[in-house]
Amino acid sequence: MTDMSDTVKYVLTEHDLPRQWYNIVADLPSPPAPVLHPGTGKPIGPADLAPLFPNAVIAQEVSTERYIDIPGPVRDILRQWRPSPLYRARRLERALDTPARIYYKYEGVSPAGSHKPNTALAQAF
């Protein structure tokens, strides 16, 4: 039996697929500076974004909520290749002589062989 401290590859099941996105803005010590309109120099508001983005995207962009629900249809499609394998970089941890645990994801299991479909799918939805 292998000691779990030797585990390098972690494979989650479809049931482990996240149900929410984490919004870091909720945990920042102060909100980020607003994006300024290039023409007016004033902060951009939802009305400025409306010609470019759907309302749902704008709502997420200005949200201060810690978690944002991932729409069911997005989760259904992501389930085809997610969750992707997570690897622990034990040799890198030793080389750096760090007590930190370092992990990386292998995104080659997605249709494009990269991380791009993960965000593109949600943006297209």
N, C-alpha and C. Protein backbone atom coordinates (compact mmCIF):
# COMPACT_ATOMS: atom_id res chain seq x y z
N MET A 1 0.84 -1.18 0.00
CA MET A 1 0.00 0.00 0.00
C MET A 1 0.89 1.25 0.00
N THR A 2 0.54 2.20 -0.85
CA THR A 2 1.32 3.42 -0.98
C THR A 2 0.91 4.43 0.08
N ASP A 3 1.90 5.01 0.69
CA ASP A 3 1.65 6.07 1.66
C ASP A 3 1.13 7.29 0.90
N MET A 4 0.06 7.93 1.39
CA MET A 4 -0.53 9.08 0.70
C MET A 4 0.47 10.23 0.55
N SER A 5 1.50 10.26 1.38
CA SER A 5 2.50 11.31 1.25
C SER A 5 3.30 11.14 -0.03
N ASP A 6 3.21 9.97 -0.68
CA ASP A 6 3.89 9.73 -1.94
C ASP A 6 3.01 10.05 -3.14
N THR A 7 1.76 10.36 -2.93
CA THR A 7 0.84 10.60 -4.04
C THR A 7 1.30 11.79 -4.85
N VAL A 8 1.31 11.61 -6.18
CA VAL A 8 1.70 12.66 -7.10
C VAL A 8 0.50 13.08 -7.95
N LYS A 9 -0.28 12.13 -8.42
CA LYS A 9 -1.40 12.42 -9.33
C LYS A 9 -2.72 12.30 -8.57
N TYR A 10 -3.53 13.35 -8.66
CA TYR A 10 -4.84 13.36 -8.01
C TYR A 10 -5.90 13.49 -9.10
N VAL A 11 -6.79 12.51 -9.17
CA VAL A 11 -7.84 12.53 -10.17
C VAL A 11 -9.18 12.61 -9.45
N LEU A 12 -9.88 13.70 -9.68
CA LEU A 12 -11.18 13.90 -9.06
C LEU A 12 -12.27 13.31 -9.94
N THR A 13 -13.41 13.06 -9.37
CA THR A 13 -14.53 12.54 -10.14
C THR A 13 -15.38 13.68 -10.65
N GLU A 14 -16.33 13.36 -11.52
CA GLU A 14 -17.26 14.36 -12.03
C GLU A 14 -18.05 15.00 -10.90
N HIS A 15 -18.28 14.26 -9.84
CA HIS A 15 -19.02 14.80 -8.70
C HIS A 15 -18.24 15.89 -7.98
N ASP A 16 -16.92 15.94 -8.21
CA ASP A 16 -16.08 16.94 -7.58
C ASP A 16 -15.99 18.22 -8.40
N LEU A 17 -16.66 18.27 -9.54
CA LEU A 17 -16.64 19.46 -10.39
C LEU A 17 -17.21 20.64 -9.60
N PRO A 18 -16.51 21.76 -9.59
CA PRO A 18 -17.00 22.91 -8.81
C PRO A 18 -18.39 23.35 -9.24
N ARG A 19 -19.15 23.86 -8.30
CA ARG A 19 -20.49 24.38 -8.57
C ARG A 19 -20.49 25.91 -8.59
N GLN A 20 -19.38 26.49 -8.13
CA GLN A 20 -19.28 27.95 -8.06
C GLN A 20 -17.87 28.39 -8.43
N TRP A 21 -17.80 29.61 -8.98
CA TRP A 21 -16.52 30.26 -9.20
C TRP A 21 -16.22 31.09 -7.97
N TYR A 22 -14.95 31.20 -7.63
CA TYR A 22 -14.52 32.03 -6.51
C TYR A 22 -14.15 33.40 -7.05
N ASN A 23 -14.65 34.44 -6.41
CA ASN A 23 -14.39 35.83 -6.80
C ASN A 23 -13.45 36.44 -5.78
N ILE A 24 -12.21 36.64 -6.16
CA ILE A 24 -11.19 37.14 -5.24
C ILE A 24 -11.50 38.56 -4.74
N VAL A 25 -12.28 39.31 -5.48
CA VAL A 25 -12.59 40.69 -5.08
C VAL A 25 -13.20 40.74 -3.68
N ALA A 26 -13.98 39.73 -3.32
CA ALA A 26 -14.62 39.71 -2.00
C ALA A 26 -13.60 39.65 -0.86
N ASP A 27 -12.41 39.15 -1.14
CA ASP A 27 -11.42 38.98 -0.08
C ASP A 27 -10.24 39.94 -0.17
N LEU A 28 -10.28 40.88 -1.10
CA LEU A 28 -9.21 41.87 -1.18
C LEU A 28 -9.36 42.87 -0.04
N PRO A 29 -8.25 43.42 0.47
CA PRO A 29 -8.34 44.40 1.55
C PRO A 29 -9.08 45.67 1.12
N SER A 30 -9.01 46.00 -0.15
CA SER A 30 -9.77 47.13 -0.69
C SER A 30 -10.11 46.79 -2.14
N PRO A 31 -11.20 47.34 -2.65
CA PRO A 31 -11.59 46.99 -4.02
C PRO A 31 -10.55 47.49 -5.03
N PRO A 32 -10.43 46.79 -6.16
CA PRO A 32 -9.48 47.26 -7.17
C PRO A 32 -9.92 48.61 -7.74
N ALA A 33 -8.96 49.33 -8.26
CA ALA A 33 -9.27 50.63 -8.86
C ALA A 33 -10.19 50.41 -10.06
N PRO A 34 -11.13 51.30 -10.28
CA PRO A 34 -12.05 51.11 -11.40
C PRO A 34 -11.33 51.27 -12.74
N VAL A 35 -11.85 50.57 -13.74
CA VAL A 35 -11.35 50.74 -15.10
C VAL A 35 -11.85 52.09 -15.60
N LEU A 36 -10.96 52.84 -16.23
CA LEU A 36 -11.34 54.17 -16.70
C LEU A 36 -11.68 54.14 -18.18
N HIS A 37 -12.71 54.86 -18.53
CA HIS A 37 -13.13 54.98 -19.93
C HIS A 37 -12.05 55.74 -20.69
N PRO A 38 -11.57 55.21 -21.82
CA PRO A 38 -10.48 55.90 -22.53
C PRO A 38 -10.86 57.27 -23.08
N GLY A 39 -12.15 57.48 -23.33
CA GLY A 39 -12.59 58.76 -23.88
C GLY A 39 -12.84 59.81 -22.83
N THR A 40 -13.46 59.41 -21.72
CA THR A 40 -13.85 60.38 -20.69
C THR A 40 -12.90 60.44 -19.51
N GLY A 41 -12.14 59.36 -19.30
CA GLY A 41 -11.25 59.30 -18.15
C GLY A 41 -11.97 59.00 -16.86
N LYS A 42 -13.30 58.76 -16.94
CA LYS A 42 -14.10 58.45 -15.76
C LYS A 42 -14.29 56.93 -15.65
N PRO A 43 -14.63 56.46 -14.43
CA PRO A 43 -14.84 55.01 -14.28
C PRO A 43 -15.92 54.48 -15.24
N ILE A 44 -15.64 53.30 -15.78
CA ILE A 44 -16.58 52.64 -16.69
C ILE A 44 -17.69 52.01 -15.85
N GLY A 45 -18.91 52.18 -16.30
CA GLY A 45 -20.05 51.58 -15.63
C GLY A 45 -20.71 50.53 -16.51
N PRO A 46 -21.72 49.86 -15.97
CA PRO A 46 -22.42 48.83 -16.75
C PRO A 46 -22.93 49.32 -18.10
N ALA A 47 -23.39 50.55 -18.18
CA ALA A 47 -23.89 51.08 -19.46
C ALA A 47 -22.79 51.14 -20.51
N ASP A 48 -21.55 51.41 -20.08
CA ASP A 48 -20.43 51.45 -21.01
C ASP A 48 -20.08 50.05 -21.53
N LEU A 49 -20.32 49.06 -20.70
CA LEU A 49 -19.98 47.68 -21.08
C LEU A 49 -21.08 47.00 -21.89
N ALA A 50 -22.31 47.51 -21.79
CA ALA A 50 -23.47 46.87 -22.42
C ALA A 50 -23.32 46.62 -23.92
N PRO A 51 -22.71 47.52 -24.70
CA PRO A 51 -22.56 47.22 -26.13
C PRO A 51 -21.58 46.08 -26.42
N LEU A 52 -20.75 45.75 -25.43
CA LEU A 52 -19.70 44.75 -25.65
C LEU A 52 -19.99 43.39 -25.04
N PHE A 53 -20.72 43.38 -23.91
CA PHE A 53 -20.89 42.15 -23.14
C PHE A 53 -22.35 41.91 -22.78
N PRO A 54 -22.73 40.63 -22.64
CA PRO A 54 -24.08 40.33 -22.15
C PRO A 54 -24.20 40.75 -20.68
N ASN A 55 -25.44 40.97 -20.24
CA ASN A 55 -25.68 41.42 -18.86
C ASN A 55 -25.10 40.48 -17.82
N ALA A 56 -25.16 39.16 -18.06
CA ALA A 56 -24.64 38.20 -17.08
C ALA A 56 -23.13 38.38 -16.88
N VAL A 57 -22.41 38.67 -17.95
CA VAL A 57 -20.96 38.88 -17.84
C VAL A 57 -20.68 40.18 -17.08
N ILE A 58 -21.45 41.21 -17.37
CA ILE A 58 -21.28 42.49 -16.67
C ILE A 58 -21.57 42.31 -15.18
N ALA A 59 -22.61 41.56 -14.86
CA ALA A 59 -22.95 41.33 -13.45
C ALA A 59 -21.81 40.63 -12.71
N GLN A 60 -21.17 39.66 -13.37
CA GLN A 60 -20.04 38.99 -12.74
C GLN A 60 -18.85 39.93 -12.59
N GLU A 61 -18.64 40.76 -13.59
CA GLU A 61 -17.49 41.68 -13.57
C GLU A 61 -17.58 42.68 -12.42
N VAL A 62 -18.76 43.13 -12.09
CA VAL A 62 -18.91 44.13 -11.03
C VAL A 62 -19.30 43.51 -9.68
N SER A 63 -19.45 42.21 -9.63
CA SER A 63 -19.89 41.54 -8.41
C SER A 63 -18.82 41.60 -7.31
N THR A 64 -19.29 41.74 -6.09
CA THR A 64 -18.40 41.65 -4.93
C THR A 64 -18.73 40.40 -4.12
N GLU A 65 -19.63 39.56 -4.64
CA GLU A 65 -19.97 38.30 -3.97
C GLU A 65 -18.77 37.36 -4.02
N ARG A 66 -18.55 36.60 -2.96
CA ARG A 66 -17.41 35.69 -2.88
C ARG A 66 -17.55 34.52 -3.86
N TYR A 67 -18.75 34.02 -4.05
CA TYR A 67 -18.97 32.88 -4.95
C TYR A 67 -20.04 33.21 -5.96
N ILE A 68 -19.82 32.77 -7.18
CA ILE A 68 -20.77 32.97 -8.27
C ILE A 68 -21.11 31.60 -8.83
N ASP A 69 -22.39 31.27 -8.85
CA ASP A 69 -22.82 29.95 -9.33
C ASP A 69 -22.44 29.74 -10.78
N ILE A 70 -21.92 28.54 -11.08
CA ILE A 70 -21.62 28.16 -12.45
C ILE A 70 -22.93 27.63 -13.06
N PRO A 71 -23.37 28.19 -14.18
CA PRO A 71 -24.63 27.72 -14.78
C PRO A 71 -24.59 26.22 -15.10
N GLY A 72 -25.71 25.56 -14.87
CA GLY A 72 -25.81 24.12 -15.11
C GLY A 72 -25.36 23.69 -16.50
N PRO A 73 -25.81 24.37 -17.57
CA PRO A 73 -25.36 23.97 -18.91
C PRO A 73 -23.84 24.06 -19.09
N VAL A 74 -23.20 25.02 -18.44
CA VAL A 74 -21.74 25.12 -18.51
C VAL A 74 -21.10 23.93 -17.81
N ARG A 75 -21.62 23.59 -16.63
CA ARG A 75 -21.09 22.43 -15.89
C ARG A 75 -21.29 21.15 -16.68
N ASP A 76 -22.43 21.02 -17.36
CA ASP A 76 -22.69 19.81 -18.15
C ASP A 76 -21.65 19.62 -19.25
N ILE A 77 -21.29 20.71 -19.92
CA ILE A 77 -20.30 20.59 -20.99
C ILE A 77 -18.90 20.39 -20.42
N LEU A 78 -18.56 21.13 -19.36
CA LEU A 78 -17.25 20.97 -18.74
C LEU A 78 -17.03 19.54 -18.25
N ARG A 79 -18.09 18.89 -17.84
CA ARG A 79 -18.01 17.53 -17.32
C ARG A 79 -17.38 16.56 -18.33
N GLN A 80 -17.40 16.93 -19.63
CA GLN A 80 -16.84 16.06 -20.66
C GLN A 80 -15.33 15.87 -20.49
N TRP A 81 -14.62 16.87 -19.98
CA TRP A 81 -13.18 16.74 -19.79
C TRP A 81 -12.69 17.23 -18.44
N ARG A 82 -13.58 17.74 -17.63
CA ARG A 82 -13.19 18.21 -16.31
C ARG A 82 -13.69 17.23 -15.26
N PRO A 83 -13.16 17.20 -14.09
CA PRO A 83 -11.97 17.93 -13.69
C PRO A 83 -10.72 17.28 -14.28
N SER A 84 -9.76 18.09 -14.65
CA SER A 84 -8.52 17.58 -15.22
C SER A 84 -7.59 17.15 -14.08
N PRO A 85 -6.66 16.25 -14.39
CA PRO A 85 -5.78 15.74 -13.33
C PRO A 85 -4.94 16.84 -12.68
N LEU A 86 -4.75 16.69 -11.39
CA LEU A 86 -3.93 17.60 -10.60
C LEU A 86 -2.69 16.83 -10.15
N TYR A 87 -1.52 17.43 -10.33
CA TYR A 87 -0.27 16.77 -9.96
C TYR A 87 0.43 17.58 -8.88
N ARG A 88 1.06 16.86 -7.98
CA ARG A 88 1.87 17.53 -6.96
C ARG A 88 3.32 17.52 -7.43
N ALA A 89 3.94 18.67 -7.41
CA ALA A 89 5.32 18.83 -7.89
C ALA A 89 6.30 18.58 -6.74
N ARG A 90 6.37 17.33 -6.30
CA ARG A 90 7.20 17.00 -5.14
C ARG A 90 8.68 17.27 -5.37
N ARG A 91 9.18 16.96 -6.57
CA ARG A 91 10.60 17.20 -6.84
C ARG A 91 10.91 18.70 -6.83
N LEU A 92 10.00 19.52 -7.35
CA LEU A 92 10.18 20.97 -7.32
C LEU A 92 10.16 21.47 -5.87
N GLU A 93 9.25 20.93 -5.07
CA GLU A 93 9.21 21.31 -3.65
C GLU A 93 10.56 21.01 -2.99
N ARG A 94 11.13 19.83 -3.28
CA ARG A 94 12.42 19.47 -2.68
C ARG A 94 13.53 20.39 -3.20
N ALA A 95 13.52 20.66 -4.52
CA ALA A 95 14.55 21.52 -5.11
C ALA A 95 14.51 22.93 -4.52
N LEU A 96 13.32 23.41 -4.23
CA LEU A 96 13.16 24.74 -3.64
C LEU A 96 13.34 24.73 -2.12
N ASP A 97 13.38 23.53 -1.56
CA ASP A 97 13.48 23.37 -0.11
C ASP A 97 12.40 24.19 0.59
N THR A 98 11.16 23.99 0.13
CA THR A 98 10.04 24.75 0.66
C THR A 98 9.06 23.83 1.40
N PRO A 99 8.46 24.33 2.46
CA PRO A 99 7.42 23.55 3.12
C PRO A 99 6.09 23.65 2.37
N ALA A 100 6.03 24.55 1.37
CA ALA A 100 4.79 24.73 0.61
C ALA A 100 4.51 23.50 -0.25
N ARG A 101 3.24 23.24 -0.46
CA ARG A 101 2.83 22.19 -1.39
C ARG A 101 2.54 22.86 -2.73
N ILE A 102 3.18 22.38 -3.78
CA ILE A 102 3.02 22.96 -5.11
C ILE A 102 2.29 21.97 -5.99
N TYR A 103 1.20 22.43 -6.61
CA TYR A 103 0.41 21.59 -7.50
C TYR A 103 0.30 22.25 -8.86
N TYR A 104 0.12 21.44 -9.89
CA TYR A 104 -0.16 21.97 -11.22
C TYR A 104 -1.19 21.07 -11.88
N LYS A 105 -1.92 21.65 -12.82
CA LYS A 105 -2.97 20.91 -13.52
C LYS A 105 -2.50 20.54 -14.91
N TYR A 106 -2.90 19.36 -15.35
CA TYR A 106 -2.64 18.93 -16.71
C TYR A 106 -3.90 19.21 -17.52
N GLU A 107 -3.84 20.20 -18.40
CA GLU A 107 -5.01 20.61 -19.17
C GLU A 107 -5.08 19.95 -20.54
N GLY A 108 -4.16 19.06 -20.85
CA GLY A 108 -4.14 18.41 -22.16
C GLY A 108 -5.32 17.49 -22.41
N VAL A 109 -6.16 17.23 -21.41
CA VAL A 109 -7.31 16.36 -21.60
C VAL A 109 -8.50 17.10 -22.20
N SER A 110 -8.39 18.43 -22.34
CA SER A 110 -9.50 19.20 -22.90
C SER A 110 -9.50 19.07 -24.43
N PRO A 111 -10.60 19.43 -25.09
CA PRO A 111 -10.68 19.27 -26.54
C PRO A 111 -9.56 19.98 -27.30
N ALA A 112 -9.15 21.14 -26.82
CA ALA A 112 -8.10 21.89 -27.52
C ALA A 112 -6.71 21.57 -26.97
N GLY A 113 -6.65 20.74 -25.93
CA GLY A 113 -5.36 20.41 -25.34
C GLY A 113 -4.77 21.55 -24.54
N SER A 114 -5.61 22.47 -24.08
CA SER A 114 -5.12 23.59 -23.28
C SER A 114 -6.20 24.04 -22.31
N HIS A 115 -5.90 25.07 -21.53
CA HIS A 115 -6.85 25.58 -20.55
C HIS A 115 -7.90 26.50 -21.17
N LYS A 116 -7.71 26.91 -22.42
CA LYS A 116 -8.58 27.91 -23.03
C LYS A 116 -10.07 27.56 -23.03
N PRO A 117 -10.46 26.30 -23.33
CA PRO A 117 -11.91 26.00 -23.32
C PRO A 117 -12.57 26.20 -21.97
N ASN A 118 -11.82 26.13 -20.88
CA ASN A 118 -12.41 26.29 -19.56
C ASN A 118 -13.06 27.66 -19.41
N THR A 119 -12.40 28.71 -19.87
CA THR A 119 -12.98 30.04 -19.77
C THR A 119 -13.80 30.40 -20.99
N ALA A 120 -13.38 29.92 -22.15
CA ALA A 120 -14.11 30.26 -23.39
C ALA A 120 -15.54 29.73 -23.34
N LEU A 121 -15.73 28.55 -22.79
CA LEU A 121 -17.06 27.96 -22.70
C LEU A 121 -17.99 28.86 -21.88
N ALA A 122 -17.51 29.28 -20.73
CA ALA A 122 -18.33 30.14 -19.87
C ALA A 122 -18.61 31.48 -20.54
N GLN A 123 -17.61 32.03 -21.23
CA GLN A 123 -17.81 33.31 -21.90
C GLN A 123 -18.81 33.17 -23.04
N ALA A 124 -18.74 32.07 -23.78
CA ALA A 124 -19.69 31.87 -24.88
C ALA A 124 -21.11 31.68 -24.36
N PHE A 125 -21.25 31.02 -23.21
CA PHE A 125 -22.56 30.80 -22.62
C PHE A 125 -23.20 32.12 -22.26
